[in-house]
PDB file of N, CA and C in Angstrom:
ATOM      1  N   MET A   1     -75.857 -36.609  63.764  1.00  0.00           N
ATOM      2  CA  MET A   1     -74.893 -35.783  64.231  1.00  0.00           C
ATOM      3  C   MET A   1     -75.884 -34.789  65.180  1.00  0.00           C
ATOM      4  N   ALA A   2     -75.810 -35.026  66.629  1.00  0.00           N
ATOM      5  CA  ALA A   2     -76.491 -33.932  67.130  1.00  0.00           C
ATOM      6  C   ALA A   2     -75.796 -32.809  67.785  1.00  0.00           C
ATOM      7  N   ILE A   3     -76.447 -31.611  67.714  1.00  0.00           N
ATOM      8  CA  ILE A   3     -76.106 -30.678  68.264  1.00  0.00           C
ATOM      9  C   ILE A   3     -76.581 -30.194  69.715  1.00  0.00           C
ATOM     10  N   ASN A   4     -75.506 -29.467  70.439  1.00  0.00           N
ATOM     11  CA  ASN A   4     -76.093 -29.519  71.886  1.00  0.00           C
ATOM     12  C   ASN A   4     -76.425 -28.036  71.714  1.00  0.00           C
ATOM     13  N   TYR A   5     -77.662 -26.879  72.015  1.00  0.00           N
ATOM     14  CA  TYR A   5     -77.684 -26.088  72.077  1.00  0.00           C
ATOM     15  C   TYR A   5     -77.880 -25.219  73.510  1.00  0.00           C
ATOM     16  N   SER A   6     -77.247 -26.210  74.378  1.00  0.00           N
ATOM     17  CA  SER A   6     -77.908 -25.498  75.954  1.00  0.00           C
ATOM     18  C   SER A   6     -76.788 -25.096  76.336  1.00  0.00           C
ATOM     19  N   ILE A   7     -77.580 -23.889  77.390  1.00  0.00           N
ATOM     20  CA  ILE A   7     -76.650 -22.617  78.013  1.00  0.00           C
ATOM     21  C   ILE A   7     -76.112 -22.927  78.674  1.00  0.00           C
ATOM     22  N   SER A   8     -74.587 -22.389  78.796  1.00  0.00           N
ATOM     23  CA  SER A   8     -73.233 -23.036  79.540  1.00  0.00           C
ATOM     24  C   SER A   8     -73.939 -22.100  80.853  1.00  0.00           C
ATOM     25  N   LYS A   9     -73.090 -22.713  82.139  1.00  0.00           N
ATOM     26  CA  LYS A   9     -73.644 -22.087  83.378  1.00  0.00           C
ATOM     27  C   LYS A   9     -72.745 -20.711  83.656  1.00  0.00           C
ATOM     28  N   TYR A  10     -72.176 -20.433  82.561  1.00  0.00           N
ATOM     29  CA  TYR A  10     -70.919 -19.045  82.919  1.00  0.00           C
ATOM     30  C   TYR A  10     -71.754 -17.988  81.964  1.00  0.00           C
ATOM     31  N   ASP A  11     -72.964 -18.340  81.268  1.00  0.00           N
ATOM     32  CA  ASP A  11     -73.375 -17.741  80.259  1.00  0.00           C
ATOM     33  C   ASP A  11     -74.942 -16.831  81.229  1.00  0.00           C
ATOM     34  N   TRP A  12     -75.526 -17.479  81.978  1.00  0.00           N
ATOM     35  CA  TRP A  12     -76.687 -16.759  82.685  1.00  0.00           C
ATOM     36  C   TRP A  12     -76.387 -15.046  83.098  1.00  0.00           C
ATOM     37  N   GLN A  13     -74.796 -15.090  83.686  1.00  0.00           N
ATOM     38  CA  GLN A  13     -75.036 -13.857  83.793  1.00  0.00           C
ATOM     39  C   GLN A  13     -75.178 -12.424  82.873  1.00  0.00           C
ATOM     40  N   TYR A  14     -74.222 -13.010  81.457  1.00  0.00           N
ATOM     41  CA  TYR A  14     -74.610 -12.175  80.158  1.00  0.00           C
ATOM     42  C   TYR A  14     -76.433 -12.155  79.793  1.00  0.00           C
ATOM     43  N   LEU A  15     -77.029 -12.804  79.989  1.00  0.00           N
ATOM     44  CA  LEU A  15     -78.213 -13.444  79.636  1.00  0.00           C
ATOM     45  C   LEU A  15     -79.361 -12.518  80.528  1.00  0.00           C
ATOM     46  N   VAL A  16     -78.954 -12.767  81.950  1.00  0.00           N
ATOM     47  CA  VAL A  16     -79.696 -11.708  82.981  1.00  0.00           C
ATOM     48  C   VAL A  16     -79.558 -10.054  82.376  1.00  0.00           C
ATOM     49  N   THR A  17     -78.188  -9.605  82.453  1.00  0.00           N
ATOM     50  CA  THR A  17     -77.719  -8.209  82.261  1.00  0.00           C
ATOM     51  C   THR A  17     -78.215  -7.686  80.733  1.00  0.00           C
ATOM     52  N   GLY A  18     -78.406  -8.680  79.479  1.00  0.00           N
ATOM     53  CA  GLY A  18     -79.168  -8.401  78.402  1.00  0.00           C
ATOM     54  C   GLY A  18     -80.959  -8.354  78.622  1.00  0.00           C
ATOM     55  N   PHE A  19     -81.313  -9.428  79.400  1.00  0.00           N
ATOM     56  CA  PHE A  19     -82.777  -9.116  79.350  1.00  0.00           C
ATOM     57  C   PHE A  19     -83.013  -7.814  80.491  1.00  0.00           C
ATOM     58  N   PHE A  20     -81.955  -7.643  81.242  1.00  0.00           N
ATOM     59  CA  PHE A  20     -82.851  -6.098  82.202  1.00  0.00           C
ATOM     60  C   PHE A  20     -82.429  -5.006  81.435  1.00  0.00           C
ATOM     61  N   LEU A  21     -81.187  -4.948  80.394  1.00  0.00           N
ATOM     62  CA  LEU A  21     -81.445  -3.778  79.834  1.00  0.00           C
ATOM     63  C   LEU A  21     -82.438  -3.666  78.671  1.00  0.00           C
ATOM     64  N   ILE A  22     -82.587  -4.737  77.865  1.00  0.00           N
ATOM     65  CA  ILE A  22     -84.035  -4.896  76.871  1.00  0.00           C
ATOM     66  C   ILE A  22     -85.329  -4.544  77.835  1.00  0.00           C
ATOM     67  N   SER A  23     -85.541  -5.153  79.191  1.00  0.00           N
ATOM     68  CA  SER A  23     -86.904  -4.734  79.654  1.00  0.00           C
ATOM     69  C   SER A  23     -86.937  -3.133  80.132  1.00  0.00           C
ATOM     70  N   VAL A  24     -85.523  -2.836  80.720  1.00  0.00           N
ATOM     71  CA  VAL A  24     -85.841  -1.115  81.020  1.00  0.00           C
ATOM     72  C   VAL A  24     -85.906  -0.442  79.553  1.00  0.00           C
ATOM     73  N   PHE A  25     -85.278  -0.844  78.346  1.00  0.00           N
ATOM     74  CA  PHE A  25     -86.258  -0.315  77.395  1.00  0.00           C
ATOM     75  C   PHE A  25     -87.335  -0.366  76.569  1.00  0.00           C
ATOM     76  N   ILE A  26     -87.924  -1.416  77.047  1.00  0.00           N
ATOM     77  CA  ILE A  26     -89.379  -1.553  76.864  1.00  0.00           C
ATOM     78  C   ILE A  26     -90.517  -0.662  77.756  1.00  0.00           C
ATOM     79  N   PHE A  27     -89.880  -0.548  79.016  1.00  0.00           N
ATOM     80  CA  PHE A  27     -90.619   0.073  79.964  1.00  0.00           C
ATOM     81  C   PHE A  27     -90.442   1.677  79.684  1.00  0.00           C
ATOM     82  N   THR A  28     -89.244   2.096  79.094  1.00  0.00           N
ATOM     83  CA  THR A  28     -88.788   3.488  78.812  1.00  0.00           C
ATOM     84  C   THR A  28     -89.275   4.004  77.500  1.00  0.00           C
ATOM     85  N   ASP A  29     -89.047   2.986  76.528  1.00  0.00           N
ATOM     86  CA  ASP A  29     -89.650   3.785  75.263  1.00  0.00           C
ATOM     87  C   ASP A  29     -90.927   3.124  74.555  1.00  0.00           C
ATOM     88  N   LEU A  30     -90.792   2.104  74.296  1.00  0.00           N
ATOM     89  CA  LEU A  30     -91.904   1.374  74.010  1.00  0.00           C
ATOM     90  C   LEU A  30     -93.549   1.368  74.970  1.00  0.00           C
ATOM     91  N   ILE A  31     -93.319   0.737  76.298  1.00  0.00           N
ATOM     92  CA  ILE A  31     -94.629   1.325  76.851  1.00  0.00           C
ATOM     93  C   ILE A  31     -94.631   2.639  77.593  1.00  0.00           C
ATOM     94  N   ARG A  32     -93.482   3.328  77.467  1.00  0.00           N
ATOM     95  CA  ARG A  32     -93.485   4.654  78.611  1.00  0.00           C
ATOM     96  C   ARG A  32     -94.228   4.567  79.982  1.00  0.00           C
ATOM     97  N   VAL A  33     -93.716   3.414  80.635  1.00  0.00           N
ATOM     98  CA  VAL A  33     -94.520   3.300  81.958  1.00  0.00           C
ATOM     99  C   VAL A  33     -93.695   4.315  82.781  1.00  0.00           C
ATOM    100  N   ILE A  34     -92.334   4.080  82.564  1.00  0.00           N
ATOM    101  CA  ILE A  34     -91.554   4.949  83.268  1.00  0.00           C
ATOM    102  C   ILE A  34     -90.813   5.462  82.592  1.00  0.00           C
ATOM    103  N   ASP A  35     -90.866   7.419  83.215  1.00  0.00           N
ATOM    104  CA  ASP A  35     -90.407   8.915  82.146  1.00  0.00           C
ATOM    105  C   ASP A  35     -88.720   8.706  82.263  1.00  0.00           C
ATOM    106  N   LYS A  36     -88.236   8.583  81.410  1.00  0.00           N
ATOM    107  CA  LYS A  36     -86.720   8.589  80.976  1.00  0.00           C
ATOM    108  C   LYS A  36     -85.930   9.998  81.830  1.00  0.00           C
ATOM    109  N   GLU A  37     -86.934  11.040  81.388  1.00  0.00           N
ATOM    110  CA  GLU A  37     -86.399  12.472  81.965  1.00  0.00           C
ATOM    111  C   GLU A  37     -85.748  12.110  83.358  1.00  0.00           C
ATOM    112  N   TYR A  38     -86.670  11.428  84.375  1.00  0.00           N
ATOM    113  CA  TYR A  38     -86.158  11.329  85.818  1.00  0.00           C
ATOM    114  C   TYR A  38     -84.795  10.554  86.072  1.00  0.00           C
ATOM    115  N   PHE A  39     -84.254   9.837  84.685  1.00  0.00           N
ATOM    116  CA  PHE A  39     -82.914   9.018  84.918  1.00  0.00           C
ATOM    117  C   PHE A  39     -82.185   9.567  84.337  1.00  0.00           C
ATOM    118  N   TYR A  40     -82.021  10.692  83.272  1.00  0.00           N
ATOM    119  CA  TYR A  40     -80.978  11.283  82.763  1.00  0.00           C
ATOM    120  C   TYR A  40     -79.935  11.859  83.558  1.00  0.00           C
ATOM    121  N   TYR A  41     -78.510  12.196  83.169  1.00  0.00           N
ATOM    122  CA  TYR A  41     -77.532  12.581  83.805  1.00  0.00           C
ATOM    123  C   TYR A  41     -77.551  14.032  83.361  1.00  0.00           C
ATOM    124  N   VAL A  42     -77.880  14.652  84.357  1.00  0.00           N
ATOM    125  CA  VAL A  42     -77.886  16.188  84.400  1.00  0.00           C
ATOM    126  C   VAL A  42     -76.920  16.794  85.566  1.00  0.00           C
ATOM    127  N   PRO A  43     -75.759  17.660  85.324  1.00  0.00           N
ATOM    128  CA  PRO A  43     -74.793  17.855  86.520  1.00  0.00           C
ATOM    129  C   PRO A  43     -75.369  18.785  87.087  1.00  0.00           C
ATOM    130  N   ARG A  44     -76.082  19.333  86.835  1.00  0.00           N
ATOM    131  CA  ARG A  44     -76.621  20.926  87.884  1.00  0.00           C
ATOM    132  C   ARG A  44     -77.712  19.720  89.054  1.00  0.00           C
ATOM    133  N   LEU A  45     -78.005  18.641  88.529  1.00  0.00           N
ATOM    134  CA  LEU A  45     -78.744  17.906  89.550  1.00  0.00           C
ATOM    135  C   LEU A  45     -78.739  16.685  90.448  1.00  0.00           C
ATOM    136  N   ILE A  46     -77.266  16.761  90.222  1.00  0.00           N
ATOM    137  CA  ILE A  46     -76.212  15.344  90.608  1.00  0.00           C
ATOM    138  C   ILE A  46     -76.163  15.569  92.196  1.00  0.00           C
ATOM    139  N   SER A  47     -76.187  16.832  92.674  1.00  0.00           N
ATOM    140  CA  SER A  47     -76.266  17.126  94.252  1.00  0.00           C
ATOM    141  C   SER A  47     -77.451  17.250  94.927  1.00  0.00           C
ATOM    142  N   ASP A  48     -78.558  16.962  94.318  1.00  0.00           N
ATOM    143  CA  ASP A  48     -79.948  16.958  94.897  1.00  0.00           C
ATOM    144  C   ASP A  48     -80.511  15.324  94.461  1.00  0.00           C
ATOM    145  N   GLN A  49     -80.098  14.933  93.391  1.00  0.00           N
ATOM    146  CA  GLN A  49     -80.488  13.517  92.992  1.00  0.00           C
ATOM    147  C   GLN A  49     -79.213  12.726  92.459  1.00  0.00           C
ATOM    148  N   PRO A  50     -78.443  12.110  93.321  1.00  0.00           N
ATOM    149  CA  PRO A  50     -77.080  11.251  93.056  1.00  0.00           C
ATOM    150  C   PRO A  50     -77.684  10.126  92.275  1.00  0.00           C
ATOM    151  N   TYR A  51     -78.811   9.379  92.324  1.00  0.00           N
ATOM    152  CA  TYR A  51     -79.112   7.994  91.811  1.00  0.00           C
ATOM    153  C   TYR A  51     -78.981   8.585  90.490  1.00  0.00           C
ATOM    154  N   ARG A  52     -78.976   9.836  89.944  1.00  0.00           N
ATOM    155  CA  ARG A  52     -78.803   9.769  88.151  1.00  0.00           C
ATOM    156  C   ARG A  52     -77.546   9.529  87.788  1.00  0.00           C
ATOM    157  N   ILE A  53     -76.612   9.187  89.029  1.00  0.00           N
ATOM    158  CA  ILE A  53     -75.346   8.668  88.043  1.00  0.00           C
ATOM    159  C   ILE A  53     -75.309   7.554  87.496  1.00  0.00           C
ATOM    160  N   PHE A  54     -75.943   6.705  88.644  1.00  0.00           N
ATOM    161  CA  PHE A  54     -76.530   5.339  87.966  1.00  0.00           C
ATOM    162  C   PHE A  54     -77.365   4.924  87.389  1.00  0.00           C
ATOM    163  N   THR A  55     -78.486   5.901  86.958  1.00  0.00           N
ATOM    164  CA  THR A  55     -79.855   5.356  86.369  1.00  0.00           C
ATOM    165  C   THR A  55     -79.765   6.020  85.008  1.00  0.00           C
ATOM    166  N   SER A  56     -78.844   6.765  84.405  1.00  0.00           N
ATOM    167  CA  SER A  56     -78.358   7.165  83.699  1.00  0.00           C
ATOM    168  C   SER A  56     -77.626   6.160  82.594  1.00  0.00           C
ATOM    169  N   ILE A  57     -77.130   5.240  82.754  1.00  0.00           N
ATOM    170  CA  ILE A  57     -76.288   4.064  82.412  1.00  0.00           C
ATOM    171  C   ILE A  57     -77.125   3.100  81.577  1.00  0.00           C
ATOM    172  N   LEU A  58     -78.748   2.854  82.298  1.00  0.00           N
ATOM    173  CA  LEU A  58     -79.795   2.102  81.920  1.00  0.00           C
ATOM    174  C   LEU A  58     -80.235   2.875  80.634  1.00  0.00           C
ATOM    175  N   ILE A  59     -80.618   4.163  80.760  1.00  0.00           N
ATOM    176  CA  ILE A  59     -81.673   4.921  79.464  1.00  0.00           C
ATOM    177  C   ILE A  59     -80.590   5.123  78.395  1.00  0.00           C
ATOM    178  N   TYR A  60     -81.115   4.486  77.007  1.00  0.00           N
ATOM    179  CA  TYR A  60     -80.960   4.727  75.648  1.00  0.00           C
ATOM    180  C   TYR A  60     -81.632   5.406  75.064  1.00  0.00           C
ATOM    181  N   ALA A  61     -80.925   6.071  73.836  1.00  0.00           N
ATOM    182  CA  ALA A  61     -81.162   6.943  72.855  1.00  0.00           C
ATOM    183  C   ALA A  61     -82.385   6.609  71.967  1.00  0.00           C
ATOM    184  N   ASP A  62     -82.106   5.329  71.675  1.00  0.00           N
ATOM    185  CA  ASP A  62     -83.348   4.796  70.829  1.00  0.00           C
ATOM    186  C   ASP A  62     -82.618   3.047  70.742  1.00  0.00           C
ATOM    187  N   LEU A  63     -83.628   2.362  69.391  1.00  0.00           N
ATOM    188  CA  LEU A  63     -83.193   1.049  69.779  1.00  0.00           C
ATOM    189  C   LEU A  63     -81.690   0.434  69.240  1.00  0.00           C
ATOM    190  N   ASN A  64     -80.941   1.557  68.337  1.00  0.00           N
ATOM    191  CA  ASN A  64     -79.894   1.378  67.863  1.00  0.00           C
ATOM    192  C   ASN A  64     -78.662   1.583  68.555  1.00  0.00           C
ATOM    193  N   HIS A  65     -79.066   2.275  69.600  1.00  0.00           N
ATOM    194  CA  HIS A  65     -77.876   2.341  70.614  1.00  0.00           C
ATOM    195  C   HIS A  65     -78.341   1.113  71.861  1.00  0.00           C
ATOM    196  N   LEU A  66     -79.583   0.492  72.120  1.00  0.00           N
ATOM    197  CA  LEU A  66     -79.288  -0.495  72.781  1.00  0.00           C
ATOM    198  C   LEU A  66     -78.661  -1.958  71.961  1.00  0.00           C
ATOM    199  N   LEU A  67     -79.024  -1.729  70.944  1.00  0.00           N
ATOM    200  CA  LEU A  67     -78.476  -2.953  69.925  1.00  0.00           C
ATOM    201  C   LEU A  67     -76.783  -2.800  70.266  1.00  0.00           C
ATOM    202  N   SER A  68     -76.099  -1.906  69.824  1.00  0.00           N
ATOM    203  CA  SER A  68     -75.075  -1.308  70.081  1.00  0.00           C
ATOM    204  C   SER A  68     -74.389  -2.027  71.734  1.00  0.00           C
ATOM    205  N   ASN A  69     -75.127  -1.881  72.228  1.00  0.00           N
ATOM    206  CA  ASN A  69     -74.568  -2.184  73.979  1.00  0.00           C
ATOM    207  C   ASN A  69     -74.974  -3.588  74.041  1.00  0.00           C
ATOM    208  N   LEU A  70     -75.943  -4.606  73.014  1.00  0.00           N
ATOM    209  CA  LEU A  70     -76.186  -5.734  73.476  1.00  0.00           C
ATOM    210  C   LEU A  70     -75.092  -6.342  72.781  1.00  0.00           C
ATOM    211  N   GLY A  71     -74.580  -6.102  71.694  1.00  0.00           N
ATOM    212  CA  GLY A  71     -73.614  -6.243  70.726  1.00  0.00           C
ATOM    213  C   GLY A  71     -72.300  -6.055  71.454  1.00  0.00           C
ATOM    214  N   GLY A  72     -71.843  -5.305  72.392  1.00  0.00           N
ATOM    215  CA  GLY A  72     -71.064  -4.819  73.469  1.00  0.00           C
ATOM    216  C   GLY A  72     -70.894  -6.474  74.267  1.00  0.00           C
ATOM    217  N   ILE A  73     -71.908  -6.464  75.129  1.00  0.00           N
ATOM    218  CA  ILE A  73     -72.207  -7.878  75.858  1.00  0.00           C
ATOM    219  C   ILE A  73     -71.706  -8.820  74.953  1.00  0.00           C
ATOM    220  N   ILE A  74     -71.827  -8.993  73.949  1.00  0.00           N
ATOM    221  CA  ILE A  74     -71.722 -10.644  73.032  1.00  0.00           C
ATOM    222  C   ILE A  74     -70.013 -10.326  73.021  1.00  0.00           C
ATOM    223  N   ILE A  75     -69.336  -9.274  72.563  1.00  0.00           N
ATOM    224  CA  ILE A  75     -67.955  -8.963  72.029  1.00  0.00           C
ATOM    225  C   ILE A  75     -67.388  -9.179  73.586  1.00  0.00           C
ATOM    226  N   THR A  76     -67.520  -8.931  74.868  1.00  0.00           N
ATOM    227  CA  THR A  76     -67.084  -8.651  76.024  1.00  0.00           C
ATOM    228  C   THR A  76     -66.722 -10.374  76.412  1.00  0.00           C
ATOM    229  N   ARG A  77     -68.629 -11.120  76.128  1.00  0.00           N
ATOM    230  CA  ARG A  77     -68.238 -12.507  76.239  1.00  0.00           C
ATOM    231  C   ARG A  77     -67.372 -13.136  76.016  1.00  0.00           C
ATOM    232  N   TYR A  78     -67.299 -13.319  74.647  1.00  0.00           N
ATOM    233  CA  TYR A  78     -66.165 -14.045  73.438  1.00  0.00           C
ATOM    234  C   TYR A  78     -65.012 -13.639  73.941  1.00  0.00           C
ATOM    235  N   PHE A  79     -64.617 -12.187  74.163  1.00  0.00           N
ATOM    236  CA  PHE A  79     -63.275 -12.133  75.154  1.00  0.00           C
ATOM    237  C   PHE A  79     -63.028 -12.809  76.009  1.00  0.00           C
ATOM    238  N   LEU A  80     -63.607 -12.490  77.010  1.00  0.00           N
ATOM    239  CA  LEU A  80     -63.545 -13.146  78.348  1.00  0.00           C
ATOM    240  C   LEU A  80     -63.335 -14.696  78.381  1.00  0.00           C
ATOM    241  N   MET A  81     -64.377 -15.280  77.526  1.00  0.00           N
ATOM    242  CA  MET A  81     -64.116 -16.632  77.127  1.00  0.00           C
ATOM    243  C   MET A  81     -62.814 -16.628  76.477  1.00  0.00           C
ATOM    244  N   LYS A  82     -62.095 -16.068  75.519  1.00  0.00           N
ATOM    245  CA  LYS A  82     -61.374 -16.480  74.793  1.00  0.00           C
ATOM    246  C   LYS A  82     -59.918 -16.665  75.921  1.00  0.00           C
ATOM    247  N   LEU A  83     -60.121 -15.321  77.165  1.00  0.00           N
ATOM    248  CA  LEU A  83     -59.129 -15.321  77.742  1.00  0.00           C
ATOM    249  C   LEU A  83     -58.663 -16.122  78.706  1.00  0.00           C
ATOM    250  N   GLY A  84     -59.998 -17.199  78.628  1.00  0.00           N
ATOM    251  CA  GLY A  84     -59.617 -18.637  79.678  1.00  0.00           C
ATOM    252  C   GLY A  84     -60.832 -18.339  81.034  1.00  0.00           C
ATOM    253  N   ILE A  85     -61.322 -17.110  81.241  1.00  0.00           N
ATOM    254  CA  ILE A  85     -61.984 -16.556  82.542  1.00  0.00           C
ATOM    255  C   ILE A  85     -63.504 -17.011  82.285  1.00  0.00           C
ATOM    256  N   LYS A  86     -63.124 -18.341  83.100  1.00  0.00           N
ATOM    257  CA  LYS A  86     -64.821 -18.664  83.598  1.00  0.00           C
ATOM    258  C   LYS A  86     -64.766 -18.442  84.776  1.00  0.00           C
ATOM    259  N   SER A  87     -65.561 -17.628  85.099  1.00  0.00           N
ATOM    260  CA  SER A  87     -66.427 -17.321  86.644  1.00  0.00           C
ATOM    261  C   SER A  87     -67.883 -17.024  86.373  1.00  0.00           C
ATOM    262  N   ARG A  88     -68.666 -17.766  87.090  1.00  0.00           N
ATOM    263  CA  ARG A  88     -69.863 -17.919  87.145  1.00  0.00           C
ATOM    264  C   ARG A  88     -70.130 -16.130  87.559  1.00  0.00           C
ATOM    265  N   PHE A  89     -69.582 -15.291  88.095  1.00  0.00           N
ATOM    266  CA  PHE A  89     -69.816 -14.147  88.347  1.00  0.00           C
ATOM    267  C   PHE A  89     -69.133 -12.936  88.179  1.00  0.00           C
ATOM    268  N   PHE A  90     -68.075 -13.094  87.210  1.00  0.00           N
ATOM    269  CA  PHE A  90     -66.866 -12.339  86.673  1.00  0.00           C
ATOM    270  C   PHE A  90     -67.842 -11.284  86.139  1.00  0.00           C
ATOM    271  N   TYR A  91     -68.221 -11.122  84.923  1.00  0.00           N
ATOM    272  CA  TYR A  91     -69.105 -10.159  84.438  1.00  0.00           C
ATOM    273  C   TYR A  91     -69.720  -9.728  85.511  1.00  0.00           C
ATOM    274  N   LEU A  92     -70.645 -10.286  86.052  1.00  0.00           N
ATOM    275  CA  LEU A  92     -72.087  -9.614  86.758  1.00  0.00           C
ATOM    276  C   LEU A  92     -71.144  -8.720  87.756  1.00  0.00           C
ATOM    277  N   GLY A  93     -70.170  -9.211  88.274  1.00  0.00           N
ATOM    278  CA  GLY A  93     -69.429  -8.061  88.910  1.00  0.00           C
ATOM    279  C   GLY A  93     -68.905  -6.630  88.582  1.00  0.00           C
ATOM    280  N   PHE A  94     -68.345  -7.371  87.113  1.00  0.00           N
ATOM    281  CA  PHE A  94     -67.807  -6.149  86.253  1.00  0.00           C
ATOM    282  C   PHE A  94     -68.488  -5.242  85.906  1.00  0.00           C
ATOM    283  N   VAL A  95     -70.060  -5.412  85.725  1.00  0.00           N
ATOM    284  CA  VAL A  95     -70.839  -4.737  85.544  1.00  0.00           C
ATOM    285  C   VAL A  95     -71.250  -3.748  86.427  1.00  0.00           C
ATOM    286  N   LEU A  96     -71.315  -4.309  87.549  1.00  0.00           N
ATOM    287  CA  LEU A  96     -71.618  -3.642  88.753  1.00  0.00           C
ATOM    288  C   LEU A  96     -70.704  -2.718  89.499  1.00  0.00           C
ATOM    289  N   ILE A  97     -69.587  -3.135  89.099  1.00  0.00           N
ATOM    290  CA  ILE A  97     -68.254  -2.438  90.079  1.00  0.00           C
ATOM    291  C   ILE A  97     -67.907  -0.932  88.732  1.00  0.00           C
ATOM    292  N   CYS A  98     -68.432  -0.972  87.283  1.00  0.00           N
ATOM    293  CA  CYS A  98     -68.200   0.063  86.411  1.00  0.00           C
ATOM    294  C   CYS A  98     -68.739   1.057  86.979  1.00  0.00           C
ATOM    295  N   PRO A  99     -69.879   1.287  87.101  1.00  0.00           N
ATOM    296  CA  PRO A  99     -70.335   2.567  87.419  1.00  0.00           C
ATOM    297  C   PRO A  99     -69.434   3.730  88.277  1.00  0.00           C
ATOM    298  N   PHE A 100     -68.944   3.184  89.150  1.00  0.00           N
ATOM    299  CA  PHE A 100     -68.609   3.319  90.188  1.00  0.00           C
ATOM    300  C   PHE A 100     -67.038   3.988  89.967  1.00  0.00           C
TER     301      PHE A 100
END
C-alpha cells in the first residue's frame, strides 16, 4: 500500500505563512538580529510610526504564542478545505487583508 505525502497545490500558501512567522520569531527572539521594541504596538507612537500597526502582528511574546498561532493556521486550513474553498491564493489574501 503506497502512501503519498506530497504537498497539494493549495498548501503552499499555509507553508509560506508559517515559514515567514517562524523566520521572524527566529530573527527576533533566538538570534536577536532584529530588536522587537521597534515593532511593538505603542499607541502614542502610531502617528509618528504607522508601520507599527502592521509589524506588531509579527511579534510574539514567547514560543507558546508562536505555536498557538501556527496551530491556528492548521485549523484554518482544515476548515477552509472542509468548506470547499480550494483557491491557491484565498488564505494568503485573507492574511494580507486582515491587518487593515
